[in-house]
Amino acid sequence: MDTVDVDDLEIVVDDEVDSDAGVRPQVEDRELVVDDGLNETQRQMLAFERQWWKHAGSKEQGIRDLFGVSSTRYYQMLNTLLDDPAALEYDPVLVKRLRRLRATRQRARGR
C-alpha cells in the first residue's frame, strides 16, 4: 500500500469540546494509506509521462536515471500499465492520450 500526506487532503474537524475529556479533538501528524491499485513505481511512471521533453535523448536519460531500466523495458512496463484499469481511474486524461498515441503508432507500423 502507498501513502498520501495528510496535508494534501481537506480535513473537516468538529470543533465541539469533548465533554468526557474536556479537550478539543486534534488531527495528528500522520500519513493516510491510499489503495488506488497502483504501486509507487507506476504512479511515478505516469507522473514522468506528464512531462514534456524538449531535447532528443533527454527522456531516455531520465528513464535510466529515475527507473534504472532501459528505454525498451520502460516502454514494455508502460504499455502494461496503460492497459491497467487502475491507471485509467488514477489519471484518465493522461492514460487516454497515451493510449491514442500508442494506437496511432501501431497503425503506422501496420499492426
PDB file of N, CA and C in Angstrom:
ATOM      1  N   MET A   1       0.830  -1.181   0.000  1.00  0.00           N
ATOM      2  CA  MET A   1       0.000   0.000   0.000  1.00  0.00           C
ATOM      3  C   MET A   1       0.872   1.241   0.000  1.00  0.00           C
ATOM      4  N   ASP A   2       0.352   2.299  -0.560  1.00  0.00           N
ATOM      5  CA  ASP A   2       1.089   3.541  -0.655  1.00  0.00           C
ATOM      6  C   ASP A   2       0.449   4.583   0.248  1.00  0.00           C
ATOM      7  N   THR A   3       1.153   5.677   0.453  1.00  0.00           N
ATOM      8  CA  THR A   3       0.680   6.685   1.386  1.00  0.00           C
ATOM      9  C   THR A   3       0.494   8.030   0.715  1.00  0.00           C
ATOM     10  N   VAL A   4      -0.352   8.836   1.322  1.00  0.00           N
ATOM     11  CA  VAL A   4      -0.589  10.207   0.887  1.00  0.00           C
ATOM     12  C   VAL A   4      -0.427  11.090   2.110  1.00  0.00           C
ATOM     13  N   ASP A   5       0.233  12.204   1.955  1.00  0.00           N
ATOM     14  CA  ASP A   5       0.427  13.125   3.067  1.00  0.00           C
ATOM     15  C   ASP A   5      -0.909  13.759   3.440  1.00  0.00           C
ATOM     16  N   VAL A   6      -1.167  13.872   4.716  1.00  0.00           N
ATOM     17  CA  VAL A   6      -2.414  14.462   5.207  1.00  0.00           C
ATOM     18  C   VAL A   6      -2.561  15.901   4.726  1.00  0.00           C
ATOM     19  N   ASP A   7      -1.450  16.607   4.534  1.00  0.00           N
ATOM     20  CA  ASP A   7      -1.515  17.999   4.088  1.00  0.00           C
ATOM     21  C   ASP A   7      -2.164  18.134   2.720  1.00  0.00           C
ATOM     22  N   ASP A   8      -2.177  17.058   1.920  1.00  0.00           N
ATOM     23  CA  ASP A   8      -2.784  17.096   0.594  1.00  0.00           C
ATOM     24  C   ASP A   8      -4.300  16.914   0.636  1.00  0.00           C
ATOM     25  N   LEU A   9      -4.856  16.653   1.791  1.00  0.00           N
ATOM     26  CA  LEU A   9      -6.281  16.371   1.913  1.00  0.00           C
ATOM     27  C   LEU A   9      -6.981  17.495   2.655  1.00  0.00           C
ATOM     28  N   GLU A  10      -8.247  17.679   2.336  1.00  0.00           N
ATOM     29  CA  GLU A  10      -9.061  18.639   3.084  1.00  0.00           C
ATOM     30  C   GLU A  10      -9.680  17.889   4.252  1.00  0.00           C
ATOM     31  N   ILE A  11      -9.442  18.366   5.441  1.00  0.00           N
ATOM     32  CA  ILE A  11      -9.932  17.691   6.638  1.00  0.00           C
ATOM     33  C   ILE A  11     -10.905  18.611   7.356  1.00  0.00           C
ATOM     34  N   VAL A  12     -12.076  18.071   7.667  1.00  0.00           N
ATOM     35  CA  VAL A  12     -13.075  18.825   8.411  1.00  0.00           C
ATOM     36  C   VAL A  12     -13.106  18.251   9.817  1.00  0.00           C
ATOM     37  N   VAL A  13     -12.890  19.114  10.801  1.00  0.00           N
ATOM     38  CA  VAL A  13     -12.864  18.682  12.199  1.00  0.00           C
ATOM     39  C   VAL A  13     -14.008  19.360  12.928  1.00  0.00           C
ATOM     40  N   ASP A  14     -14.778  18.577  13.669  1.00  0.00           N
ATOM     41  CA  ASP A  14     -15.839  19.124  14.502  1.00  0.00           C
ATOM     42  C   ASP A  14     -15.177  19.864  15.658  1.00  0.00           C
ATOM     43  N   ASP A  15     -15.493  21.118  15.826  1.00  0.00           N
ATOM     44  CA  ASP A  15     -14.815  21.983  16.780  1.00  0.00           C
ATOM     45  C   ASP A  15     -15.448  21.948  18.171  1.00  0.00           C
ATOM     46  N   GLU A  16     -16.362  21.035  18.409  1.00  0.00           N
ATOM     47  CA  GLU A  16     -17.005  20.971  19.721  1.00  0.00           C
ATOM     48  C   GLU A  16     -16.061  20.357  20.743  1.00  0.00           C
ATOM     49  N   VAL A  17     -16.212  20.759  21.983  1.00  0.00           N
ATOM     50  CA  VAL A  17     -15.392  20.215  23.060  1.00  0.00           C
ATOM     51  C   VAL A  17     -15.952  18.860  23.453  1.00  0.00           C
ATOM     52  N   ASP A  18     -15.081  17.882  23.592  1.00  0.00           N
ATOM     53  CA  ASP A  18     -15.468  16.552  24.047  1.00  0.00           C
ATOM     54  C   ASP A  18     -15.738  16.641  25.547  1.00  0.00           C
ATOM     55  N   SER A  19     -16.997  16.423  25.939  1.00  0.00           N
ATOM     56  CA  SER A  19     -17.378  16.615  27.345  1.00  0.00           C
ATOM     57  C   SER A  19     -16.679  15.627  28.271  1.00  0.00           C
ATOM     58  N   ASP A  20     -16.361  14.440  27.785  1.00  0.00           N
ATOM     59  CA  ASP A  20     -15.689  13.457  28.635  1.00  0.00           C
ATOM     60  C   ASP A  20     -14.236  13.838  28.894  1.00  0.00           C
ATOM     61  N   ALA A  21     -13.549  14.289  27.864  1.00  0.00           N
ATOM     62  CA  ALA A  21     -12.118  14.571  28.010  1.00  0.00           C
ATOM     63  C   ALA A  21     -11.848  16.034  28.321  1.00  0.00           C
ATOM     64  N   GLY A  22     -12.790  16.925  27.983  1.00  0.00           N
ATOM     65  CA  GLY A  22     -12.597  18.335  28.222  1.00  0.00           C
ATOM     66  C   GLY A  22     -11.597  18.993  27.288  1.00  0.00           C
ATOM     67  N   VAL A  23     -11.325  18.353  26.149  1.00  0.00           N
ATOM     68  CA  VAL A  23     -10.370  18.910  25.178  1.00  0.00           C
ATOM     69  C   VAL A  23     -10.982  18.898  23.782  1.00  0.00           C
ATOM     70  N   ARG A  24     -10.430  19.731  22.933  1.00  0.00           N
ATOM     71  CA  ARG A  24     -10.867  19.744  21.538  1.00  0.00           C
ATOM     72  C   ARG A  24     -10.136  18.640  20.769  1.00  0.00           C
ATOM     73  N   PRO A  25     -10.808  18.018  19.825  1.00  0.00           N
ATOM     74  CA  PRO A  25     -10.128  16.996  19.022  1.00  0.00           C
ATOM     75  C   PRO A  25      -9.029  17.631  18.175  1.00  0.00           C
ATOM     76  N   GLN A  26      -7.959  16.901  17.970  1.00  0.00           N
ATOM     77  CA  GLN A  26      -6.860  17.382  17.146  1.00  0.00           C
ATOM     78  C   GLN A  26      -6.534  16.349  16.080  1.00  0.00           C
ATOM     79  N   VAL A  27      -6.034  16.852  14.943  1.00  0.00           N
ATOM     80  CA  VAL A  27      -5.584  15.961  13.882  1.00  0.00           C
ATOM     81  C   VAL A  27      -4.112  15.688  14.123  1.00  0.00           C
ATOM     82  N   GLU A  28      -3.760  14.432  14.243  1.00  0.00           N
ATOM     83  CA  GLU A  28      -2.369  14.069  14.480  1.00  0.00           C
ATOM     84  C   GLU A  28      -1.576  14.193  13.187  1.00  0.00           C
ATOM     85  N   ASP A  29      -0.281  14.403  13.308  1.00  0.00           N
ATOM     86  CA  ASP A  29       0.608  14.439  12.155  1.00  0.00           C
ATOM     87  C   ASP A  29       0.872  12.995  11.743  1.00  0.00           C
ATOM     88  N   ARG A  30       0.225  12.555  10.690  1.00  0.00           N
ATOM     89  CA  ARG A  30       0.355  11.170  10.240  1.00  0.00           C
ATOM     90  C   ARG A  30       0.061  11.092   8.757  1.00  0.00           C
ATOM     91  N   GLU A  31       0.280   9.932   8.189  1.00  0.00           N
ATOM     92  CA  GLU A  31       0.002   9.710   6.781  1.00  0.00           C
ATOM     93  C   GLU A  31      -1.190   8.776   6.655  1.00  0.00           C
ATOM     94  N   LEU A  32      -1.981   8.980   5.620  1.00  0.00           N
ATOM     95  CA  LEU A  32      -3.107   8.103   5.342  1.00  0.00           C
ATOM     96  C   LEU A  32      -2.704   7.111   4.266  1.00  0.00           C
ATOM     97  N   VAL A  33      -3.170   5.893   4.386  1.00  0.00           N
ATOM     98  CA  VAL A  33      -2.880   4.874   3.389  1.00  0.00           C
ATOM     99  C   VAL A  33      -3.948   4.942   2.310  1.00  0.00           C
ATOM    100  N   VAL A  34      -3.506   4.985   1.058  1.00  0.00           N
ATOM    101  CA  VAL A  34      -4.421   5.041  -0.073  1.00  0.00           C
ATOM    102  C   VAL A  34      -4.167   3.826  -0.941  1.00  0.00           C
ATOM    103  N   ASP A  35      -5.197   3.075  -1.229  1.00  0.00           N
ATOM    104  CA  ASP A  35      -5.063   1.915  -2.102  1.00  0.00           C
ATOM    105  C   ASP A  35      -5.787   2.218  -3.402  1.00  0.00           C
ATOM    106  N   ASP A  36      -5.043   2.727  -4.392  1.00  0.00           N
ATOM    107  CA  ASP A  36      -5.635   3.055  -5.685  1.00  0.00           C
ATOM    108  C   ASP A  36      -5.342   1.983  -6.728  1.00  0.00           C
ATOM    109  N   GLY A  37      -4.730   0.880  -6.305  1.00  0.00           N
ATOM    110  CA  GLY A  37      -4.441  -0.209  -7.225  1.00  0.00           C
ATOM    111  C   GLY A  37      -3.121  -0.062  -7.958  1.00  0.00           C
ATOM    112  N   LEU A  38      -2.399   1.024  -7.731  1.00  0.00           N
ATOM    113  CA  LEU A  38      -1.111   1.244  -8.387  1.00  0.00           C
ATOM    114  C   LEU A  38      -0.007   1.252  -7.337  1.00  0.00           C
ATOM    115  N   ASN A  39       1.173   0.794  -7.739  1.00  0.00           N
ATOM    116  CA  ASN A  39       2.305   0.906  -6.826  1.00  0.00           C
ATOM    117  C   ASN A  39       3.036   2.223  -7.075  1.00  0.00           C
ATOM    118  N   GLU A  40       3.993   2.525  -6.235  1.00  0.00           N
ATOM    119  CA  GLU A  40       4.703   3.808  -6.325  1.00  0.00           C
ATOM    120  C   GLU A  40       5.405   3.973  -7.674  1.00  0.00           C
ATOM    121  N   THR A  41       6.020   2.916  -8.178  1.00  0.00           N
ATOM    122  CA  THR A  41       6.698   2.998  -9.481  1.00  0.00           C
ATOM    123  C   THR A  41       5.706   3.332 -10.584  1.00  0.00           C
ATOM    124  N   GLN A  42       4.539   2.727 -10.561  1.00  0.00           N
ATOM    125  CA  GLN A  42       3.530   3.004 -11.585  1.00  0.00           C
ATOM    126  C   GLN A  42       3.061   4.450 -11.518  1.00  0.00           C
ATOM    127  N   ARG A  43       2.858   4.968 -10.314  1.00  0.00           N
ATOM    128  CA  ARG A  43       2.472   6.381 -10.183  1.00  0.00           C
ATOM    129  C   ARG A  43       3.591   7.299 -10.666  1.00  0.00           C
ATOM    130  N   GLN A  44       4.836   6.929 -10.376  1.00  0.00           N
ATOM    131  CA  GLN A  44       5.975   7.721 -10.850  1.00  0.00           C
ATOM    132  C   GLN A  44       6.070   7.691 -12.375  1.00  0.00           C
ATOM    133  N   MET A  45       5.761   6.555 -12.969  1.00  0.00           N
ATOM    134  CA  MET A  45       5.787   6.460 -14.433  1.00  0.00           C
ATOM    135  C   MET A  45       4.743   7.391 -15.046  1.00  0.00           C
ATOM    136  N   LEU A  46       3.561   7.427 -14.479  1.00  0.00           N
ATOM    137  CA  LEU A  46       2.525   8.319 -15.002  1.00  0.00           C
ATOM    138  C   LEU A  46       2.927   9.778 -14.820  1.00  0.00           C
ATOM    139  N   ALA A  47       3.508  10.109 -13.694  1.00  0.00           N
ATOM    140  CA  ALA A  47       3.981  11.482 -13.476  1.00  0.00           C
ATOM    141  C   ALA A  47       5.085  11.822 -14.474  1.00  0.00           C
ATOM    142  N   PHE A  48       5.960  10.880 -14.732  1.00  0.00           N
ATOM    143  CA  PHE A  48       7.047  11.069 -15.695  1.00  0.00           C
ATOM    144  C   PHE A  48       6.484  11.320 -17.092  1.00  0.00           C
ATOM    145  N   GLU A  49       5.437  10.597 -17.463  1.00  0.00           N
ATOM    146  CA  GLU A  49       4.830  10.747 -18.790  1.00  0.00           C
ATOM    147  C   GLU A  49       4.081  12.067 -18.940  1.00  0.00           C
ATOM    148  N   ARG A  50       3.729  12.725 -17.853  1.00  0.00           N
ATOM    149  CA  ARG A  50       3.060  14.027 -17.932  1.00  0.00           C
ATOM    150  C   ARG A  50       4.013  15.133 -18.371  1.00  0.00           C
ATOM    151  N   GLN A  51       5.308  14.889 -18.256  1.00  0.00           N
ATOM    152  CA  GLN A  51       6.303  15.905 -18.604  1.00  0.00           C
ATOM    153  C   GLN A  51       6.451  16.023 -20.119  1.00  0.00           C
ATOM    154  N   TRP A  52       6.946  17.169 -20.554  1.00  0.00           N
ATOM    155  CA  TRP A  52       7.232  17.400 -21.969  1.00  0.00           C
ATOM    156  C   TRP A  52       8.738  17.438 -22.141  1.00  0.00           C
ATOM    157  N   TRP A  53       9.230  16.787 -23.182  1.00  0.00           N
ATOM    158  CA  TRP A  53      10.665  16.659 -23.405  1.00  0.00           C
ATOM    159  C   TRP A  53      11.078  17.538 -24.571  1.00  0.00           C
ATOM    160  N   LYS A  54      12.023  18.435 -24.332  1.00  0.00           N
ATOM    161  CA  LYS A  54      12.433  19.405 -25.342  1.00  0.00           C
ATOM    162  C   LYS A  54      13.609  18.918 -26.182  1.00  0.00           C
ATOM    163  N   HIS A  55      14.436  18.057 -25.641  1.00  0.00           N
ATOM    164  CA  HIS A  55      15.657  17.652 -26.330  1.00  0.00           C
ATOM    165  C   HIS A  55      15.665  16.149 -26.578  1.00  0.00           C
ATOM    166  N   ALA A  56      16.126  15.766 -27.763  1.00  0.00           N
ATOM    167  CA  ALA A  56      16.229  14.345 -28.098  1.00  0.00           C
ATOM    168  C   ALA A  56      17.183  13.666 -27.116  1.00  0.00           C
ATOM    169  N   GLY A  57      16.789  12.522 -26.633  1.00  0.00           N
ATOM    170  CA  GLY A  57      17.632  11.762 -25.723  1.00  0.00           C
ATOM    171  C   GLY A  57      17.434  12.082 -24.257  1.00  0.00           C
ATOM    172  N   SER A  58      16.859  13.224 -23.947  1.00  0.00           N
ATOM    173  CA  SER A  58      16.710  13.577 -22.531  1.00  0.00           C
ATOM    174  C   SER A  58      15.703  12.671 -21.823  1.00  0.00           C
ATOM    175  N   LYS A  59      14.667  12.255 -22.525  1.00  0.00           N
ATOM    176  CA  LYS A  59      13.688  11.360 -21.907  1.00  0.00           C
ATOM    177  C   LYS A  59      14.325   9.997 -21.631  1.00  0.00           C
ATOM    178  N   GLU A  60      15.098   9.495 -22.586  1.00  0.00           N
ATOM    179  CA  GLU A  60      15.756   8.206 -22.397  1.00  0.00           C
ATOM    180  C   GLU A  60      16.721   8.252 -21.214  1.00  0.00           C
ATOM    181  N   GLN A  61      17.429   9.368 -21.075  1.00  0.00           N
ATOM    182  CA  GLN A  61      18.338   9.524 -19.939  1.00  0.00           C
ATOM    183  C   GLN A  61      17.542   9.584 -18.630  1.00  0.00           C
ATOM    184  N   GLY A  62      16.417  10.273 -18.653  1.00  0.00           N
ATOM    185  CA  GLY A  62      15.556  10.339 -17.477  1.00  0.00           C
ATOM    186  C   GLY A  62      15.036   8.969 -17.079  1.00  0.00           C
ATOM    187  N   ILE A  63      14.697   8.152 -18.067  1.00  0.00           N
ATOM    188  CA  ILE A  63      14.230   6.784 -17.799  1.00  0.00           C
ATOM    189  C   ILE A  63      15.323   6.003 -17.082  1.00  0.00           C
ATOM    190  N   ARG A  64      16.538   6.070 -17.602  1.00  0.00           N
ATOM    191  CA  ARG A  64      17.654   5.351 -16.966  1.00  0.00           C
ATOM    192  C   ARG A  64      17.917   5.873 -15.550  1.00  0.00           C
ATOM    193  N   ASP A  65      17.895   7.198 -15.395  1.00  0.00           N
ATOM    194  CA  ASP A  65      18.199   7.791 -14.089  1.00  0.00           C
ATOM    195  C   ASP A  65      17.123   7.503 -13.043  1.00  0.00           C
ATOM    196  N   LEU A  66      15.853   7.655 -13.425  1.00  0.00           N
ATOM    197  CA  LEU A  66      14.762   7.515 -12.453  1.00  0.00           C
ATOM    198  C   LEU A  66      14.342   6.079 -12.196  1.00  0.00           C
ATOM    199  N   PHE A  67      14.325   5.264 -13.256  1.00  0.00           N
ATOM    200  CA  PHE A  67      13.766   3.922 -13.118  1.00  0.00           C
ATOM    201  C   PHE A  67      14.819   2.821 -13.172  1.00  0.00           C
ATOM    202  N   GLY A  68      16.033   3.160 -13.607  1.00  0.00           N
ATOM    203  CA  GLY A  68      17.111   2.181 -13.635  1.00  0.00           C
ATOM    204  C   GLY A  68      16.900   1.055 -14.623  1.00  0.00           C
ATOM    205  N   VAL A  69      16.164   1.326 -15.691  1.00  0.00           N
ATOM    206  CA  VAL A  69      15.917   0.312 -16.719  1.00  0.00           C
ATOM    207  C   VAL A  69      16.185   0.921 -18.092  1.00  0.00           C
ATOM    208  N   SER A  70      16.299   0.058 -19.094  1.00  0.00           N
ATOM    209  CA  SER A  70      16.478   0.544 -20.462  1.00  0.00           C
ATOM    210  C   SER A  70      15.171   1.147 -20.965  1.00  0.00           C
ATOM    211  N   SER A  71      15.263   1.926 -22.025  1.00  0.00           N
ATOM    212  CA  SER A  71      14.051   2.506 -22.626  1.00  0.00           C
ATOM    213  C   SER A  71      13.101   1.415 -23.092  1.00  0.00           C
ATOM    214  N   THR A  72      13.660   0.350 -23.661  1.00  0.00           N
ATOM    215  CA  THR A  72      12.822  -0.757 -24.140  1.00  0.00           C
ATOM    216  C   THR A  72      12.014  -1.355 -22.999  1.00  0.00           C
ATOM    217  N   ARG A  73      12.676  -1.639 -21.884  1.00  0.00           N
ATOM    218  CA  ARG A  73      11.981  -2.221 -20.730  1.00  0.00           C
ATOM    219  C   ARG A  73      10.950  -1.242 -20.163  1.00  0.00           C
ATOM    220  N   TYR A  74      11.307   0.038 -20.101  1.00  0.00           N
ATOM    221  CA  TYR A  74      10.381   1.053 -19.597  1.00  0.00           C
ATOM    222  C   TYR A  74       9.094   1.061 -20.426  1.00  0.00           C
ATOM    223  N   TYR A  75       9.233   1.057 -21.751  1.00  0.00           N
ATOM    224  CA  TYR A  75       8.040   1.113 -22.595  1.00  0.00           C
ATOM    225  C   TYR A  75       7.226  -0.173 -22.524  1.00  0.00           C
ATOM    226  N   GLN A  76       7.872  -1.307 -22.268  1.00  0.00           N
ATOM    227  CA  GLN A  76       7.117  -2.543 -22.023  1.00  0.00           C
ATOM    228  C   GLN A  76       6.277  -2.388 -20.757  1.00  0.00           C
ATOM    229  N   MET A  77       6.900  -1.861 -19.716  1.00  0.00           N
ATOM    230  CA  MET A  77       6.186  -1.650 -18.452  1.00  0.00           C
ATOM    231  C   MET A  77       5.067  -0.623 -18.628  1.00  0.00           C
ATOM    232  N   LEU A  78       5.342   0.449 -19.375  1.00  0.00           N
ATOM    233  CA  LEU A  78       4.339   1.490 -19.597  1.00  0.00           C
ATOM    234  C   LEU A  78       3.144   0.937 -20.366  1.00  0.00           C
ATOM    235  N   ASN A  79       3.391   0.134 -21.399  1.00  0.00           N
ATOM    236  CA  ASN A  79       2.281  -0.433 -22.165  1.00  0.00           C
ATOM    237  C   ASN A  79       1.408  -1.337 -21.307  1.00  0.00           C
ATOM    238  N   THR A  80       2.015  -2.102 -20.429  1.00  0.00           N
ATOM    239  CA  THR A  80       1.237  -2.920 -19.496  1.00  0.00           C
ATOM    240  C   THR A  80       0.416  -2.026 -18.570  1.00  0.00           C
ATOM    241  N   LEU A  81       1.038  -0.958 -18.085  1.00  0.00           N
ATOM    242  CA  LEU A  81       0.353  -0.022 -17.193  1.00  0.00           C
ATOM    243  C   LEU A  81      -0.832   0.645 -17.888  1.00  0.00           C
ATOM    244  N   LEU A  82      -0.686   1.003 -19.157  1.00  0.00           N
ATOM    245  CA  LEU A  82      -1.773   1.673 -19.884  1.00  0.00           C
ATOM    246  C   LEU A  82      -3.004   0.786 -20.033  1.00  0.00           C
ATOM    247  N   ASP A  83      -2.808  -0.530 -19.973  1.00  0.00           N
ATOM    248  CA  ASP A  83      -3.934  -1.463 -20.071  1.00  0.00           C
ATOM    249  C   ASP A  83      -4.563  -1.769 -18.711  1.00  0.00           C
ATOM    250  N   ASP A  84      -4.003  -1.230 -17.654  1.00  0.00           N
ATOM    251  CA  ASP A  84      -4.494  -1.471 -16.296  1.00  0.00           C
ATOM    252  C   ASP A  84      -5.642  -0.502 -15.988  1.00  0.00           C
ATOM    253  N   PRO A  85      -6.831  -1.014 -15.646  1.00  0.00           N
ATOM    254  CA  PRO A  85      -7.959  -0.136 -15.315  1.00  0.00           C
ATOM    255  C   PRO A  85      -7.649   0.829 -14.159  1.00  0.00           C
ATOM    256  N   ALA A  86      -6.786   0.431 -13.243  1.00  0.00           N
ATOM    257  CA  ALA A  86      -6.432   1.315 -12.124  1.00  0.00           C
ATOM    258  C   ALA A  86      -5.701   2.556 -12.624  1.00  0.00           C
ATOM    259  N   ALA A  87      -4.889   2.409 -13.662  1.00  0.00           N
ATOM    260  CA  ALA A  87      -4.183   3.564 -14.235  1.00  0.00           C
ATOM    261  C   ALA A  87      -5.179   4.520 -14.881  1.00  0.00           C
ATOM    262  N   LEU A  88      -6.157   3.967 -15.575  1.00  0.00           N
ATOM    263  CA  LEU A  88      -7.186   4.794 -16.206  1.00  0.00           C
ATOM    264  C   LEU A  88      -7.976   5.567 -15.153  1.00  0.00           C
ATOM    265  N   GLU A  89      -8.270   4.923 -14.054  1.00  0.00           N
ATOM    266  CA  GLU A  89      -9.003   5.591 -12.973  1.00  0.00           C
ATOM    267  C   GLU A  89      -8.137   6.658 -12.299  1.00  0.00           C
ATOM    268  N   TYR A  90      -6.856   6.385 -12.168  1.00  0.00           N
ATOM    269  CA  TYR A  90      -5.930   7.297 -11.490  1.00  0.00           C
ATOM    270  C   TYR A  90      -5.712   8.590 -12.278  1.00  0.00           C
ATOM    271  N   ASP A  91      -5.535   8.479 -13.608  1.00  0.00           N
ATOM    272  CA  ASP A  91      -5.285   9.666 -14.443  1.00  0.00           C
ATOM    273  C   ASP A  91      -5.891   9.434 -15.825  1.00  0.00           C
ATOM    274  N   PRO A  92      -7.216   9.566 -15.951  1.00  0.00           N
ATOM    275  CA  PRO A  92      -7.891   9.216 -17.200  1.00  0.00           C
ATOM    276  C   PRO A  92      -7.436  10.038 -18.409  1.00  0.00           C
ATOM    277  N   VAL A  93      -7.191  11.312 -18.242  1.00  0.00           N
ATOM    278  CA  VAL A  93      -6.803  12.151 -19.386  1.00  0.00           C
ATOM    279  C   VAL A  93      -5.454  11.698 -19.939  1.00  0.00           C
ATOM    280  N   LEU A  94      -4.488  11.511 -19.059  1.00  0.00           N
ATOM    281  CA  LEU A  94      -3.158  11.085 -19.492  1.00  0.00           C
ATOM    282  C   LEU A  94      -3.196   9.700 -20.122  1.00  0.00           C
ATOM    283  N   VAL A  95      -3.847   8.753 -19.465  1.00  0.00           N
ATOM    284  CA  VAL A  95      -3.872   7.378 -19.965  1.00  0.00           C
ATOM    285  C   VAL A  95      -4.571   7.310 -21.318  1.00  0.00           C
ATOM    286  N   LYS A  96      -5.664   8.031 -21.483  1.00  0.00           N
ATOM    287  CA  LYS A  96      -6.343   8.034 -22.787  1.00  0.00           C
ATOM    288  C   LYS A  96      -5.466   8.646 -23.864  1.00  0.00           C
ATOM    289  N   ARG A  97      -4.735   9.714 -23.538  1.00  0.00           N
ATOM    290  CA  ARG A  97      -3.832  10.335 -24.519  1.00  0.00           C
ATOM    291  C   ARG A  97      -2.724   9.362 -24.914  1.00  0.00           C
ATOM    292  N   LEU A  98      -2.133   8.690 -23.931  1.00  0.00           N
ATOM    293  CA  LEU A  98      -1.064   7.744 -24.223  1.00  0.00           C
ATOM    294  C   LEU A  98      -1.582   6.541 -25.005  1.00  0.00           C
ATOM    295  N   ARG A  99      -2.794   6.105 -24.719  1.00  0.00           N
ATOM    296  CA  ARG A  99      -3.388   5.005 -25.493  1.00  0.00           C
ATOM    297  C   ARG A  99      -3.606   5.416 -26.946  1.00  0.00           C
ATOM    298  N   ARG A 100      -4.075   6.659 -27.155  1.00  0.00           N
ATOM    299  CA  ARG A 100      -4.264   7.153 -28.529  1.00  0.00           C
ATOM    300  C   ARG A 100      -2.938   7.199 -29.278  1.00  0.00           C
ATOM    301  N   LEU A 101      -1.899   7.710 -28.631  1.00  0.00           N
ATOM    302  CA  LEU A 101      -0.580   7.757 -29.263  1.00  0.00           C
ATOM    303  C   LEU A 101      -0.088   6.356 -29.609  1.00  0.00           C
ATOM    304  N   ARG A 102      -0.290   5.420 -28.702  1.00  0.00           N
ATOM    305  CA  ARG A 102       0.121   4.037 -28.947  1.00  0.00           C
ATOM    306  C   ARG A 102      -0.629   3.457 -30.135  1.00  0.00           C
ATOM    307  N   ALA A 103      -1.934   3.681 -30.196  1.00  0.00           N
ATOM    308  CA  ALA A 103      -2.735   3.158 -31.310  1.00  0.00           C
ATOM    309  C   ALA A 103      -2.298   3.775 -32.638  1.00  0.00           C
ATOM    310  N   THR A 104      -1.999   5.062 -32.639  1.00  0.00           N
ATOM    311  CA  THR A 104      -1.543   5.734 -33.855  1.00  0.00           C
ATOM    312  C   THR A 104      -0.227   5.134 -34.330  1.00  0.00           C
ATOM    313  N   ARG A 105       0.694   4.905 -33.422  1.00  0.00           N
ATOM    314  CA  ARG A 105       1.992   4.308 -33.784  1.00  0.00           C
ATOM    315  C   ARG A 105       1.820   2.882 -34.293  1.00  0.00           C
ATOM    316  N   GLN A 106       0.916   2.122 -33.668  1.00  0.00           N
ATOM    317  CA  GLN A 106       0.682   0.748 -34.115  1.00  0.00           C
ATOM    318  C   GLN A 106       0.097   0.726 -35.519  1.00  0.00           C
ATOM    319  N   ARG A 107      -0.832   1.645 -35.810  1.00  0.00           N
ATOM    320  CA  ARG A 107      -1.409   1.715 -37.161  1.00  0.00           C
ATOM    321  C   ARG A 107      -0.348   2.106 -38.185  1.00  0.00           C
ATOM    322  N   ALA A 108       0.528   3.018 -37.806  1.00  0.00           N
ATOM    323  CA  ALA A 108       1.584   3.462 -38.719  1.00  0.00           C
ATOM    324  C   ALA A 108       2.551   2.325 -39.041  1.00  0.00           C
ATOM    325  N   ARG A 109       2.733   1.405 -38.108  1.00  0.00           N
ATOM    326  CA  ARG A 109       3.608   0.249 -38.349  1.00  0.00           C
ATOM    327  C   ARG A 109       2.868  -0.880 -39.042  1.00  0.00           C
ATOM    328  N   GLY A 110       1.571  -0.725 -39.229  1.00  0.00           N
ATOM    329  CA  GLY A 110       0.780  -1.745 -39.920  1.00  0.00           C
ATOM    330  C   GLY A 110       0.422  -2.940 -39.073  1.00  0.00           C
ATOM    331  N   ARG A 111       0.319  -2.745 -37.775  1.00  0.00           N
ATOM    332  CA  ARG A 111      -0.061  -3.853 -36.879  1.00  0.00           C
ATOM    333  C   ARG A 111      -1.537  -3.993 -36.803  1.00  0.00           C
TER     334      ARG A 111
END
